[in-house]
Amino acid sequence: MDLAPQSRLAMRFILAAIGLLVLTGCGLGLPTGSSLPEPTIPAEAAPLVAEAKEKLALDKGADPSQITVKSIEAFTFNDSSLGCPEPGRSYLQVLTPGYVIVLQLGSETYEYHAARNTVVRCDGK
């Protein structure tokens, strides 16, 4: 199929406009900029998320308000180490329901595992 020069120019313009819309997030219901809204945090997980944010803020010398929740997922861990065993420690071999919480501070992400009243950083620190 051979297009006339005007048709090729129009096609390039349309493709460029679509590309610009995709790159900026326009028309997709996404906020402009690089961050998406925080996910909904289940009520029972809110204290665990707050503790994870406090721990990260203390560890990095940051204000907790600078930390955002990138994702939170309910998860059942295979034992009480919450998937983050420390060498030389023993753990109860029981299924442990909890959450995997991914936090963002600046351009870096940090993973925390949490259950009941325990929150541990689990991303290689």
PDB file of N, CA and C in Angstrom:
ATOM      1  N   MET A   1       0.846  -1.164   0.000  1.00  0.00           N
ATOM      2  CA  MET A   1       0.000   0.000   0.000  1.00  0.00           C
ATOM      3  C   MET A   1       0.896   1.234   0.000  1.00  0.00           C
ATOM      4  N   ASP A   2       0.781   2.036  -1.044  1.00  0.00           N
ATOM      5  CA  ASP A   2       1.609   3.225  -1.182  1.00  0.00           C
ATOM      6  C   ASP A   2       0.764   4.450  -0.857  1.00  0.00           C
ATOM      7  N   LEU A   3       1.183   5.222   0.161  1.00  0.00           N
ATOM      8  CA  LEU A   3       0.430   6.392   0.585  1.00  0.00           C
ATOM      9  C   LEU A   3       1.006   7.643  -0.060  1.00  0.00           C
ATOM     10  N   ALA A   4       0.130   8.597  -0.313  1.00  0.00           N
ATOM     11  CA  ALA A   4       0.555   9.892  -0.834  1.00  0.00           C
ATOM     12  C   ALA A   4       1.359  10.599   0.247  1.00  0.00           C
ATOM     13  N   PRO A   5       2.250  11.534  -0.119  1.00  0.00           N
ATOM     14  CA  PRO A   5       3.067  12.238   0.875  1.00  0.00           C
ATOM     15  C   PRO A   5       2.237  12.903   1.961  1.00  0.00           C
ATOM     16  N   GLN A   6       1.064  13.475   1.607  1.00  0.00           N
ATOM     17  CA  GLN A   6       0.228  14.126   2.617  1.00  0.00           C
ATOM     18  C   GLN A   6      -0.315  13.094   3.612  1.00  0.00           C
ATOM     19  N   SER A   7      -0.654  11.917   3.115  1.00  0.00           N
ATOM     20  CA  SER A   7      -1.179  10.860   3.986  1.00  0.00           C
ATOM     21  C   SER A   7      -0.102  10.345   4.932  1.00  0.00           C
ATOM     22  N   ARG A   8       1.126  10.210   4.416  1.00  0.00           N
ATOM     23  CA  ARG A   8       2.235   9.767   5.277  1.00  0.00           C
ATOM     24  C   ARG A   8       2.504  10.795   6.363  1.00  0.00           C
ATOM     25  N   LEU A   9       2.455  12.080   6.010  1.00  0.00           N
ATOM     26  CA  LEU A   9       2.674  13.146   6.986  1.00  0.00           C
ATOM     27  C   LEU A   9       1.576  13.144   8.048  1.00  0.00           C
ATOM     28  N   ALA A  10       0.334  12.969   7.618  1.00  0.00           N
ATOM     29  CA  ALA A  10      -0.788  12.912   8.557  1.00  0.00           C
ATOM     30  C   ALA A  10      -0.646  11.705   9.482  1.00  0.00           C
ATOM     31  N   MET A  11      -0.234  10.566   8.946  1.00  0.00           N
ATOM     32  CA  MET A  11      -0.054   9.352   9.744  1.00  0.00           C
ATOM     33  C   MET A  11       1.046   9.556  10.776  1.00  0.00           C
ATOM     34  N   ARG A  12       2.148  10.190  10.386  1.00  0.00           N
ATOM     35  CA  ARG A  12       3.228  10.462  11.336  1.00  0.00           C
ATOM     36  C   ARG A  12       2.765  11.384  12.452  1.00  0.00           C
ATOM     37  N   PHE A  13       1.981  12.391  12.095  1.00  0.00           N
ATOM     38  CA  PHE A  13       1.458  13.324  13.087  1.00  0.00           C
ATOM     39  C   PHE A  13       0.564  12.593  14.086  1.00  0.00           C
ATOM     40  N   ILE A  14      -0.313  11.732  13.591  1.00  0.00           N
ATOM     41  CA  ILE A  14      -1.221  10.975  14.464  1.00  0.00           C
ATOM     42  C   ILE A  14      -0.428  10.061  15.385  1.00  0.00           C
ATOM     43  N   LEU A  15       0.543   9.359  14.854  1.00  0.00           N
ATOM     44  CA  LEU A  15       1.357   8.459  15.675  1.00  0.00           C
ATOM     45  C   LEU A  15       2.156   9.228  16.720  1.00  0.00           C
ATOM     46  N   ALA A  16       2.684  10.396  16.352  1.00  0.00           N
ATOM     47  CA  ALA A  16       3.420  11.212  17.315  1.00  0.00           C
ATOM     48  C   ALA A  16       2.494  11.696  18.428  1.00  0.00           C
ATOM     49  N   ALA A  17       1.266  12.089  18.066  1.00  0.00           N
ATOM     50  CA  ALA A  17       0.310  12.554  19.072  1.00  0.00           C
ATOM     51  C   ALA A  17      -0.062  11.416  20.025  1.00  0.00           C
ATOM     52  N   ILE A  18      -0.275  10.235  19.501  1.00  0.00           N
ATOM     53  CA  ILE A  18      -0.599   9.084  20.352  1.00  0.00           C
ATOM     54  C   ILE A  18       0.575   8.775  21.280  1.00  0.00           C
ATOM     55  N   GLY A  19       1.781   8.804  20.733  1.00  0.00           N
ATOM     56  CA  GLY A  19       2.966   8.555  21.558  1.00  0.00           C
ATOM     57  C   GLY A  19       3.095   9.560  22.690  1.00  0.00           C
ATOM     58  N   LEU A  20       2.830  10.835  22.403  1.00  0.00           N
ATOM     59  CA  LEU A  20       2.896  11.868  23.430  1.00  0.00           C
ATOM     60  C   LEU A  20       1.852  11.628  24.513  1.00  0.00           C
ATOM     61  N   LEU A  21       0.644  11.250  24.112  1.00  0.00           N
ATOM     62  CA  LEU A  21      -0.404  10.956  25.097  1.00  0.00           C
ATOM     63  C   LEU A  21      -0.010   9.788  25.997  1.00  0.00           C
ATOM     64  N   VAL A  22       0.564   8.760  25.404  1.00  0.00           N
ATOM     65  CA  VAL A  22       0.984   7.597  26.196  1.00  0.00           C
ATOM     66  C   VAL A  22       2.104   7.971  27.153  1.00  0.00           C
ATOM     67  N   LEU A  23       3.090   8.715  26.687  1.00  0.00           N
ATOM     68  CA  LEU A  23       4.225   9.080  27.532  1.00  0.00           C
ATOM     69  C   LEU A  23       3.835   9.975  28.700  1.00  0.00           C
ATOM     70  N   THR A  24       2.864  10.842  28.503  1.00  0.00           N
ATOM     71  CA  THR A  24       2.471  11.760  29.572  1.00  0.00           C
ATOM     72  C   THR A  24       1.355  11.214  30.437  1.00  0.00           C
ATOM     73  N   GLY A  25       0.754  10.093  30.043  1.00  0.00           N
ATOM     74  CA  GLY A  25      -0.324   9.514  30.832  1.00  0.00           C
ATOM     75  C   GLY A  25      -1.660  10.187  30.595  1.00  0.00           C
ATOM     76  N   CYS A  26      -1.732  11.132  29.671  1.00  0.00           N
ATOM     77  CA  CYS A  26      -2.989  11.834  29.398  1.00  0.00           C
ATOM     78  C   CYS A  26      -3.999  10.878  28.785  1.00  0.00           C
ATOM     79  N   GLY A  27      -5.224  11.074  29.161  1.00  0.00           N
ATOM     80  CA  GLY A  27      -6.289  10.268  28.593  1.00  0.00           C
ATOM     81  C   GLY A  27      -6.379   8.886  29.198  1.00  0.00           C
ATOM     82  N   LEU A  28      -5.539   8.550  30.143  1.00  0.00           N
ATOM     83  CA  LEU A  28      -5.560   7.219  30.731  1.00  0.00           C
ATOM     84  C   LEU A  28      -6.061   7.237  32.165  1.00  0.00           C
ATOM     85  N   GLY A  29      -6.406   8.403  32.661  1.00  0.00           N
ATOM     86  CA  GLY A  29      -6.863   8.497  34.041  1.00  0.00           C
ATOM     87  C   GLY A  29      -5.732   8.410  35.041  1.00  0.00           C
ATOM     88  N   LEU A  30      -4.494   8.505  34.578  1.00  0.00           N
ATOM     89  CA  LEU A  30      -3.343   8.447  35.470  1.00  0.00           C
ATOM     90  C   LEU A  30      -2.908   9.854  35.827  1.00  0.00           C
ATOM     91  N   PRO A  31      -2.380  10.043  37.011  1.00  0.00           N
ATOM     92  CA  PRO A  31      -1.878  11.369  37.348  1.00  0.00           C
ATOM     93  C   PRO A  31      -0.642  11.677  36.531  1.00  0.00           C
ATOM     94  N   THR A  32      -0.427  12.954  36.221  1.00  0.00           N
ATOM     95  CA  THR A  32       0.800  13.316  35.535  1.00  0.00           C
ATOM     96  C   THR A  32       1.941  13.247  36.540  1.00  0.00           C
ATOM     97  N   GLY A  33       3.135  13.077  36.067  1.00  0.00           N
ATOM     98  CA  GLY A  33       4.279  12.928  36.964  1.00  0.00           C
ATOM     99  C   GLY A  33       4.662  11.470  37.054  1.00  0.00           C
ATOM    100  N   SER A  34       5.556  11.153  37.977  1.00  0.00           N
ATOM    101  CA  SER A  34       6.120   9.814  38.020  1.00  0.00           C
ATOM    102  C   SER A  34       5.480   8.907  39.066  1.00  0.00           C
ATOM    103  N   SER A  35       4.575   9.424  39.895  1.00  0.00           N
ATOM    104  CA  SER A  35       4.061   8.570  40.952  1.00  0.00           C
ATOM    105  C   SER A  35       2.578   8.281  40.771  1.00  0.00           C
ATOM    106  N   LEU A  36       2.204   7.093  41.130  1.00  0.00           N
ATOM    107  CA  LEU A  36       0.814   6.677  41.118  1.00  0.00           C
ATOM    108  C   LEU A  36       0.260   6.851  42.520  1.00  0.00           C
ATOM    109  N   PRO A  37      -1.063   6.912  42.666  1.00  0.00           N
ATOM    110  CA  PRO A  37      -1.619   7.029  44.018  1.00  0.00           C
ATOM    111  C   PRO A  37      -1.268   5.795  44.841  1.00  0.00           C
ATOM    112  N   GLU A  38      -1.191   5.992  46.163  1.00  0.00           N
ATOM    113  CA  GLU A  38      -0.881   4.864  47.043  1.00  0.00           C
ATOM    114  C   GLU A  38      -2.021   3.854  46.991  1.00  0.00           C
ATOM    115  N   PRO A  39      -1.697   2.576  47.153  1.00  0.00           N
ATOM    116  CA  PRO A  39      -2.749   1.557  47.162  1.00  0.00           C
ATOM    117  C   PRO A  39      -3.595   1.671  48.434  1.00  0.00           C
ATOM    118  N   THR A  40      -4.772   1.087  48.377  1.00  0.00           N
ATOM    119  CA  THR A  40      -5.630   1.044  49.557  1.00  0.00           C
ATOM    120  C   THR A  40      -4.999   0.110  50.586  1.00  0.00           C
ATOM    121  N   ILE A  41      -4.902   0.593  51.809  1.00  0.00           N
ATOM    122  CA  ILE A  41      -4.280  -0.191  52.881  1.00  0.00           C
ATOM    123  C   ILE A  41      -5.397  -0.786  53.735  1.00  0.00           C
ATOM    124  N   PRO A  42      -5.439  -2.118  53.869  1.00  0.00           N
ATOM    125  CA  PRO A  42      -6.457  -2.729  54.736  1.00  0.00           C
ATOM    126  C   PRO A  42      -6.329  -2.200  56.160  1.00  0.00           C
ATOM    127  N   ALA A  43      -7.462  -2.003  56.823  1.00  0.00           N
ATOM    128  CA  ALA A  43      -7.474  -1.418  58.172  1.00  0.00           C
ATOM    129  C   ALA A  43      -6.563  -2.179  59.132  1.00  0.00           C
ATOM    130  N   GLU A  44      -6.572  -3.506  59.067  1.00  0.00           N
ATOM    131  CA  GLU A  44      -5.753  -4.289  60.001  1.00  0.00           C
ATOM    132  C   GLU A  44      -4.262  -4.164  59.699  1.00  0.00           C
ATOM    133  N   ALA A  45      -3.920  -3.703  58.494  1.00  0.00           N
ATOM    134  CA  ALA A  45      -2.513  -3.556  58.124  1.00  0.00           C
ATOM    135  C   ALA A  45      -1.991  -2.145  58.380  1.00  0.00           C
ATOM    136  N   ALA A  46      -2.867  -1.188  58.635  1.00  0.00           N
ATOM    137  CA  ALA A  46      -2.448   0.211  58.800  1.00  0.00           C
ATOM    138  C   ALA A  46      -1.367   0.394  59.873  1.00  0.00           C
ATOM    139  N   PRO A  47      -1.500  -0.229  61.060  1.00  0.00           N
ATOM    140  CA  PRO A  47      -0.430  -0.064  62.062  1.00  0.00           C
ATOM    141  C   PRO A  47       0.899  -0.668  61.603  1.00  0.00           C
ATOM    142  N   LEU A  48       0.837  -1.756  60.834  1.00  0.00           N
ATOM    143  CA  LEU A  48       2.062  -2.398  60.340  1.00  0.00           C
ATOM    144  C   LEU A  48       2.745  -1.509  59.302  1.00  0.00           C
ATOM    145  N   VAL A  49       1.945  -0.887  58.444  1.00  0.00           N
ATOM    146  CA  VAL A  49       2.499   0.031  57.443  1.00  0.00           C
ATOM    147  C   VAL A  49       3.128   1.237  58.138  1.00  0.00           C
ATOM    148  N   ALA A  50       2.436   1.767  59.134  1.00  0.00           N
ATOM    149  CA  ALA A  50       2.978   2.917  59.880  1.00  0.00           C
ATOM    150  C   ALA A  50       4.301   2.553  60.533  1.00  0.00           C
ATOM    151  N   GLU A  51       4.389   1.354  61.108  1.00  0.00           N
ATOM    152  CA  GLU A  51       5.642   0.926  61.741  1.00  0.00           C
ATOM    153  C   GLU A  51       6.749   0.753  60.709  1.00  0.00           C
ATOM    154  N   ALA A  52       6.414   0.183  59.546  1.00  0.00           N
ATOM    155  CA  ALA A  52       7.423   0.025  58.491  1.00  0.00           C
ATOM    156  C   ALA A  52       7.941   1.389  58.047  1.00  0.00           C
ATOM    157  N   LYS A  53       7.037   2.366  57.888  1.00  0.00           N
ATOM    158  CA  LYS A  53       7.455   3.720  57.501  1.00  0.00           C
ATOM    159  C   LYS A  53       8.359   4.335  58.573  1.00  0.00           C
ATOM    160  N   GLU A  54       7.994   4.156  59.838  1.00  0.00           N
ATOM    161  CA  GLU A  54       8.816   4.699  60.928  1.00  0.00           C
ATOM    162  C   GLU A  54      10.204   4.075  60.940  1.00  0.00           C
ATOM    163  N   LYS A  55      10.268   2.762  60.750  1.00  0.00           N
ATOM    164  CA  LYS A  55      11.561   2.075  60.739  1.00  0.00           C
ATOM    165  C   LYS A  55      12.428   2.568  59.590  1.00  0.00           C
ATOM    166  N   LEU A  56      11.837   2.715  58.400  1.00  0.00           N
ATOM    167  CA  LEU A  56      12.606   3.184  57.249  1.00  0.00           C
ATOM    168  C   LEU A  56      13.065   4.624  57.458  1.00  0.00           C
ATOM    169  N   ALA A  57      12.176   5.458  57.981  1.00  0.00           N
ATOM    170  CA  ALA A  57      12.532   6.857  58.235  1.00  0.00           C
ATOM    171  C   ALA A  57      13.695   6.944  59.208  1.00  0.00           C
ATOM    172  N   LEU A  58      13.647   6.145  60.280  1.00  0.00           N
ATOM    173  CA  LEU A  58      14.723   6.141  61.273  1.00  0.00           C
ATOM    174  C   LEU A  58      16.023   5.639  60.651  1.00  0.00           C
ATOM    175  N   ASP A  59      15.924   4.567  59.872  1.00  0.00           N
ATOM    176  CA  ASP A  59      17.105   3.973  59.247  1.00  0.00           C
ATOM    177  C   ASP A  59      17.768   4.925  58.249  1.00  0.00           C
ATOM    178  N   LYS A  60      16.967   5.687  57.521  1.00  0.00           N
ATOM    179  CA  LYS A  60      17.496   6.557  56.467  1.00  0.00           C
ATOM    180  C   LYS A  60      17.585   8.024  56.874  1.00  0.00           C
ATOM    181  N   GLY A  61      17.162   8.348  58.101  1.00  0.00           N
ATOM    182  CA  GLY A  61      17.198   9.732  58.546  1.00  0.00           C
ATOM    183  C   GLY A  61      16.258  10.617  57.748  1.00  0.00           C
ATOM    184  N   ALA A  62      15.099  10.072  57.411  1.00  0.00           N
ATOM    185  CA  ALA A  62      14.129  10.795  56.584  1.00  0.00           C
ATOM    186  C   ALA A  62      12.871  11.087  57.382  1.00  0.00           C
ATOM    187  N   ASP A  63      12.067  11.967  56.860  1.00  0.00           N
ATOM    188  CA  ASP A  63      10.767  12.265  57.447  1.00  0.00           C
ATOM    189  C   ASP A  63       9.785  11.212  56.930  1.00  0.00           C
ATOM    190  N   PRO A  64       8.987  10.585  57.805  1.00  0.00           N
ATOM    191  CA  PRO A  64       8.041   9.569  57.352  1.00  0.00           C
ATOM    192  C   PRO A  64       7.083  10.066  56.263  1.00  0.00           C
ATOM    193  N   SER A  65       6.819  11.379  56.229  1.00  0.00           N
ATOM    194  CA  SER A  65       5.909  11.907  55.211  1.00  0.00           C
ATOM    195  C   SER A  65       6.516  11.837  53.802  1.00  0.00           C
ATOM    196  N   GLN A  66       7.841  11.617  53.711  1.00  0.00           N
ATOM    197  CA  GLN A  66       8.509  11.484  52.412  1.00  0.00           C
ATOM    198  C   GLN A  66       8.395  10.064  51.859  1.00  0.00           C
ATOM    199  N   ILE A  67       7.890   9.150  52.668  1.00  0.00           N
ATOM    200  CA  ILE A  67       7.823   7.739  52.294  1.00  0.00           C
ATOM    201  C   ILE A  67       6.417   7.415  51.806  1.00  0.00           C
ATOM    202  N   THR A  68       6.345   6.754  50.665  1.00  0.00           N
ATOM    203  CA  THR A  68       5.046   6.350  50.131  1.00  0.00           C
ATOM    204  C   THR A  68       4.964   4.828  50.053  1.00  0.00           C
ATOM    205  N   VAL A  69       3.744   4.339  50.098  1.00  0.00           N
ATOM    206  CA  VAL A  69       3.501   2.908  49.959  1.00  0.00           C
ATOM    207  C   VAL A  69       3.352   2.621  48.470  1.00  0.00           C
ATOM    208  N   LYS A  70       4.265   1.849  47.953  1.00  0.00           N
ATOM    209  CA  LYS A  70       4.216   1.487  46.533  1.00  0.00           C
ATOM    210  C   LYS A  70       3.260   0.319  46.319  1.00  0.00           C
ATOM    211  N   SER A  71       3.293  -0.658  47.242  1.00  0.00           N
ATOM    212  CA  SER A  71       2.352  -1.772  47.156  1.00  0.00           C
ATOM    213  C   SER A  71       2.230  -2.444  48.513  1.00  0.00           C
ATOM    214  N   ILE A  72       1.103  -3.108  48.695  1.00  0.00           N
ATOM    215  CA  ILE A  72       0.889  -3.932  49.888  1.00  0.00           C
ATOM    216  C   ILE A  72       0.089  -5.143  49.442  1.00  0.00           C
ATOM    217  N   GLU A  73       0.558  -6.316  49.867  1.00  0.00           N
ATOM    218  CA  GLU A  73      -0.080  -7.555  49.437  1.00  0.00           C
ATOM    219  C   GLU A  73      -0.195  -8.508  50.615  1.00  0.00           C
ATOM    220  N   ALA A  74      -1.408  -9.029  50.815  1.00  0.00           N
ATOM    221  CA  ALA A  74      -1.587 -10.067  51.832  1.00  0.00           C
ATOM    222  C   ALA A  74      -0.780 -11.282  51.398  1.00  0.00           C
ATOM    223  N   PHE A  75      -0.122 -11.918  52.373  1.00  0.00           N
ATOM    224  CA  PHE A  75       0.766 -13.035  52.046  1.00  0.00           C
ATOM    225  C   PHE A  75       0.829 -13.980  53.230  1.00  0.00           C
ATOM    226  N   THR A  76       0.933 -15.278  52.952  1.00  0.00           N
ATOM    227  CA  THR A  76       1.123 -16.268  54.007  1.00  0.00           C
ATOM    228  C   THR A  76       2.553 -16.780  53.935  1.00  0.00           C
ATOM    229  N   PHE A  77       3.308 -16.493  54.993  1.00  0.00           N
ATOM    230  CA  PHE A  77       4.710 -16.902  55.060  1.00  0.00           C
ATOM    231  C   PHE A  77       4.791 -18.338  55.569  1.00  0.00           C
ATOM    232  N   ASN A  78       5.855 -19.057  55.187  1.00  0.00           N
ATOM    233  CA  ASN A  78       6.007 -20.474  55.554  1.00  0.00           C
ATOM    234  C   ASN A  78       6.408 -20.686  57.003  1.00  0.00           C
ATOM    235  N   ASP A  79       6.956 -19.651  57.646  1.00  0.00           N
ATOM    236  CA  ASP A  79       7.367 -19.788  59.043  1.00  0.00           C
ATOM    237  C   ASP A  79       7.370 -18.416  59.704  1.00  0.00           C
ATOM    238  N   SER A  80       7.719 -18.366  60.966  1.00  0.00           N
ATOM    239  CA  SER A  80       7.655 -17.106  61.706  1.00  0.00           C
ATOM    240  C   SER A  80       8.804 -16.147  61.382  1.00  0.00           C
ATOM    241  N   SER A  81       9.708 -16.530  60.472  1.00  0.00           N
ATOM    242  CA  SER A  81      10.755 -15.597  60.039  1.00  0.00           C
ATOM    243  C   SER A  81      10.200 -14.580  59.050  1.00  0.00           C
ATOM    244  N   LEU A  82       8.984 -14.788  58.603  1.00  0.00           N
ATOM    245  CA  LEU A  82       8.322 -13.926  57.617  1.00  0.00           C
ATOM    246  C   LEU A  82       9.099 -13.847  56.305  1.00  0.00           C
ATOM    247  N   GLY A  83       9.816 -14.929  56.007  1.00  0.00           N
ATOM    248  CA  GLY A  83      10.565 -14.969  54.758  1.00  0.00           C
ATOM    249  C   GLY A  83      11.899 -14.244  54.821  1.00  0.00           C
ATOM    250  N   CYS A  84      12.296 -13.811  56.021  1.00  0.00           N
ATOM    251  CA  CYS A  84      13.545 -13.055  56.192  1.00  0.00           C
ATOM    252  C   CYS A  84      14.347 -13.650  57.343  1.00  0.00           C
ATOM    253  N   PRO A  85      14.761 -14.899  57.239  1.00  0.00           N
ATOM    254  CA  PRO A  85      15.457 -15.519  58.366  1.00  0.00           C
ATOM    255  C   PRO A  85      16.830 -14.902  58.609  1.00  0.00           C
ATOM    256  N   GLU A  86      17.169 -14.788  59.879  1.00  0.00           N
ATOM    257  CA  GLU A  86      18.492 -14.314  60.264  1.00  0.00           C
ATOM    258  C   GLU A  86      19.339 -15.527  60.623  1.00  0.00           C
ATOM    259  N   PRO A  87      20.602 -15.544  60.206  1.00  0.00           N
ATOM    260  CA  PRO A  87      21.473 -16.679  60.514  1.00  0.00           C
ATOM    261  C   PRO A  87      21.578 -16.913  62.021  1.00  0.00           C
ATOM    262  N   GLY A  88      21.549 -18.172  62.403  1.00  0.00           N
ATOM    263  CA  GLY A  88      21.717 -18.538  63.804  1.00  0.00           C
ATOM    264  C   GLY A  88      20.449 -18.474  64.639  1.00  0.00           C
ATOM    265  N   ARG A  89      19.338 -18.062  64.062  1.00  0.00           N
ATOM    266  CA  ARG A  89      18.073 -18.005  64.805  1.00  0.00           C
ATOM    267  C   ARG A  89      17.169 -19.129  64.344  1.00  0.00           C
ATOM    268  N   SER A  90      16.331 -19.597  65.237  1.00  0.00           N
ATOM    269  CA  SER A  90      15.355 -20.615  64.853  1.00  0.00           C
ATOM    270  C   SER A  90      13.970 -19.978  64.854  1.00  0.00           C
ATOM    271  N   TYR A  91      13.086 -20.530  64.052  1.00  0.00           N
ATOM    272  CA  TYR A  91      11.759 -19.959  63.861  1.00  0.00           C
ATOM    273  C   TYR A  91      10.697 -21.046  63.943  1.00  0.00           C
ATOM    274  N   LEU A  92       9.520 -20.654  64.394  1.00  0.00           N
ATOM    275  CA  LEU A  92       8.396 -21.583  64.433  1.00  0.00           C
ATOM    276  C   LEU A  92       8.026 -21.966  63.012  1.00  0.00           C
ATOM    277  N   GLN A  93       7.844 -23.243  62.786  1.00  0.00           N
ATOM    278  CA  GLN A  93       7.487 -23.734  61.461  1.00  0.00           C
ATOM    279  C   GLN A  93       5.959 -23.779  61.333  1.00  0.00           C
ATOM    280  N   VAL A  94       5.367 -22.608  61.265  1.00  0.00           N
ATOM    281  CA  VAL A  94       3.908 -22.489  61.140  1.00  0.00           C
ATOM    282  C   VAL A  94       3.590 -21.493  60.023  1.00  0.00           C
ATOM    283  N   LEU A  95       2.490 -21.742  59.327  1.00  0.00           N
ATOM    284  CA  LEU A  95       2.044 -20.775  58.329  1.00  0.00           C
ATOM    285  C   LEU A  95       1.668 -19.495  59.052  1.00  0.00           C
ATOM    286  N   THR A  96       2.192 -18.381  58.580  1.00  0.00           N
ATOM    287  CA  THR A  96       2.017 -17.103  59.261  1.00  0.00           C
ATOM    288  C   THR A  96       1.418 -16.085  58.296  1.00  0.00           C
ATOM    289  N   PRO A  97       0.152 -15.738  58.489  1.00  0.00           N
ATOM    290  CA  PRO A  97      -0.450 -14.740  57.599  1.00  0.00           C
ATOM    291  C   PRO A  97       0.098 -13.350  57.894  1.00  0.00           C
ATOM    292  N   GLY A  98       0.297 -12.570  56.854  1.00  0.00           N
ATOM    293  CA  GLY A  98       0.818 -11.215  57.026  1.00  0.00           C
ATOM    294  C   GLY A  98       0.755 -10.443  55.732  1.00  0.00           C
ATOM    295  N   TYR A  99       1.720  -9.544  55.567  1.00  0.00           N
ATOM    296  CA  TYR A  99       1.746  -8.654  54.411  1.00  0.00           C
ATOM    297  C   TYR A  99       3.164  -8.446  53.909  1.00  0.00           C
ATOM    298  N   VAL A 100       3.278  -8.261  52.605  1.00  0.00           N
ATOM    299  CA  VAL A 100       4.511  -7.783  51.995  1.00  0.00           C
ATOM    300  C   VAL A 100       4.234  -6.324  51.655  1.00  0.00           C
ATOM    301  N   ILE A 101       5.032  -5.428  52.223  1.00  0.00           N
ATOM    302  CA  ILE A 101       4.843  -3.986  52.063  1.00  0.00           C
ATOM    303  C   ILE A 101       6.058  -3.432  51.324  1.00  0.00           C
ATOM    304  N   VAL A 102       5.828  -2.757  50.219  1.00  0.00           N
ATOM    305  CA  VAL A 102       6.919  -2.129  49.473  1.00  0.00           C
ATOM    306  C   VAL A 102       6.774  -0.620  49.627  1.00  0.00           C
ATOM    307  N   LEU A 103       7.813  -0.008  50.181  1.00  0.00           N
ATOM    308  CA  LEU A 103       7.833   1.432  50.415  1.00  0.00           C
ATOM    309  C   LEU A 103       8.793   2.095  49.439  1.00  0.00           C
ATOM    310  N   GLN A 104       8.520   3.359  49.149  1.00  0.00           N
ATOM    311  CA  GLN A 104       9.413   4.124  48.280  1.00  0.00           C
ATOM    312  C   GLN A 104       9.847   5.389  48.992  1.00  0.00           C
ATOM    313  N   LEU A 105      11.148   5.633  48.938  1.00  0.00           N
ATOM    314  CA  LEU A 105      11.746   6.858  49.471  1.00  0.00           C
ATOM    315  C   LEU A 105      12.644   7.395  48.371  1.00  0.00           C
ATOM    316  N   GLY A 106      12.272   8.515  47.794  1.00  0.00           N
ATOM    317  CA  GLY A 106      12.998   9.024  46.636  1.00  0.00           C
ATOM    318  C   GLY A 106      12.852   8.050  45.490  1.00  0.00           C
ATOM    319  N   SER A 107      13.953   7.664  44.890  1.00  0.00           N
ATOM    320  CA  SER A 107      13.899   6.720  43.769  1.00  0.00           C
ATOM    321  C   SER A 107      14.144   5.276  44.210  1.00  0.00           C
ATOM    322  N   GLU A 108      14.345   5.053  45.508  1.00  0.00           N
ATOM    323  CA  GLU A 108      14.641   3.715  46.026  1.00  0.00           C
ATOM    324  C   GLU A 108      13.389   3.053  46.605  1.00  0.00           C
ATOM    325  N   THR A 109      13.308   1.725  46.468  1.00  0.00           N
ATOM    326  CA  THR A 109      12.211   0.969  47.082  1.00  0.00           C
ATOM    327  C   THR A 109      12.781   0.035  48.143  1.00  0.00           C
ATOM    328  N   TYR A 110      11.960  -0.243  49.152  1.00  0.00           N
ATOM    329  CA  TYR A 110      12.362  -1.075  50.286  1.00  0.00           C
ATOM    330  C   TYR A 110      11.218  -2.018  50.607  1.00  0.00           C
ATOM    331  N   GLU A 111      11.562  -3.286  50.858  1.00  0.00           N
ATOM    332  CA  GLU A 111      10.537  -4.289  51.136  1.00  0.00           C
ATOM    333  C   GLU A 111      10.525  -4.651  52.617  1.00  0.00           C
ATOM    334  N   TYR A 112       9.339  -4.641  53.182  1.00  0.00           N
ATOM    335  CA  TYR A 112       9.121  -5.037  54.568  1.00  0.00           C
ATOM    336  C   TYR A 112       8.119  -6.177  54.588  1.00  0.00           C
ATOM    337  N   HIS A 113       8.333  -7.120  55.490  1.00  0.00           N
ATOM    338  CA  HIS A 113       7.387  -8.204  55.718  1.00  0.00           C
ATOM    339  C   HIS A 113       6.817  -8.011  57.113  1.00  0.00           C
ATOM    340  N   ALA A 114       5.517  -8.222  57.240  1.00  0.00           N
ATOM    341  CA  ALA A 114       4.862  -7.926  58.511  1.00  0.00           C
ATOM    342  C   ALA A 114       3.792  -8.962  58.825  1.00  0.00           C
ATOM    343  N   ALA A 115       3.614  -9.204  60.121  1.00  0.00           N
ATOM    344  CA  ALA A 115       2.555 -10.075  60.618  1.00  0.00           C
ATOM    345  C   ALA A 115       2.277  -9.705  62.066  1.00  0.00           C
ATOM    346  N   ARG A 116       1.027  -9.667  62.429  1.00  0.00           N
ATOM    347  CA  ARG A 116       0.593  -9.303  63.789  1.00  0.00           C
ATOM    348  C   ARG A 116       1.308  -8.067  64.302  1.00  0.00           C
ATOM    349  N   ASN A 117       2.297  -8.234  65.153  1.00  0.00           N
ATOM    350  CA  ASN A 117       3.003  -7.078  65.720  1.00  0.00           C
ATOM    351  C   ASN A 117       4.493  -7.096  65.364  1.00  0.00           C
ATOM    352  N   THR A 118       4.839  -7.738  64.246  1.00  0.00           N
ATOM    353  CA  THR A 118       6.233  -7.846  63.818  1.00  0.00           C
ATOM    354  C   THR A 118       6.383  -7.250  62.426  1.00  0.00           C
ATOM    355  N   VAL A 119       7.350  -6.368  62.285  1.00  0.00           N
ATOM    356  CA  VAL A 119       7.664  -5.778  60.968  1.00  0.00           C
ATOM    357  C   VAL A 119       9.166  -5.881  60.779  1.00  0.00           C
ATOM    358  N   VAL A 120       9.596  -6.520  59.673  1.00  0.00           N
ATOM    359  CA  VAL A 120      11.035  -6.672  59.397  1.00  0.00           C
ATOM    360  C   VAL A 120      11.331  -6.221  57.976  1.00  0.00           C
ATOM    361  N   ARG A 121      12.473  -5.565  57.843  1.00  0.00           N
ATOM    362  CA  ARG A 121      12.929  -5.198  56.497  1.00  0.00           C
ATOM    363  C   ARG A 121      13.510  -6.435  55.853  1.00  0.00           C
ATOM    364  N   CYS A 122      13.146  -6.654  54.613  1.00  0.00           N
ATOM    365  CA  CYS A 122      13.538  -7.897  53.966  1.00  0.00           C
ATOM    366  C   CYS A 122      13.952  -7.649  52.521  1.00  0.00           C
ATOM    367  N   ASP A 123      14.938  -6.792  52.324  1.00  0.00           N
ATOM    368  CA  ASP A 123      15.369  -6.514  50.963  1.00  0.00           C
ATOM    369  C   ASP A 123      16.885  -6.456  50.837  1.00  0.00           C
ATOM    370  N   GLY A 124      17.559  -7.172  51.671  1.00  0.00           N
ATOM    371  CA  GLY A 124      19.020  -7.177  51.615  1.00  0.00           C
ATOM    372  C   GLY A 124      19.643  -6.017  52.369  1.00  0.00           C
ATOM    373  N   LYS A 125      18.831  -5.142  52.930  1.00  0.00           N
ATOM    374  CA  LYS A 125      19.259  -3.996  53.744  1.00  0.00           C
ATOM    375  C   LYS A 125      20.388  -3.295  53.070  1.00  0.00           C
TER     376      LYS A 125
END
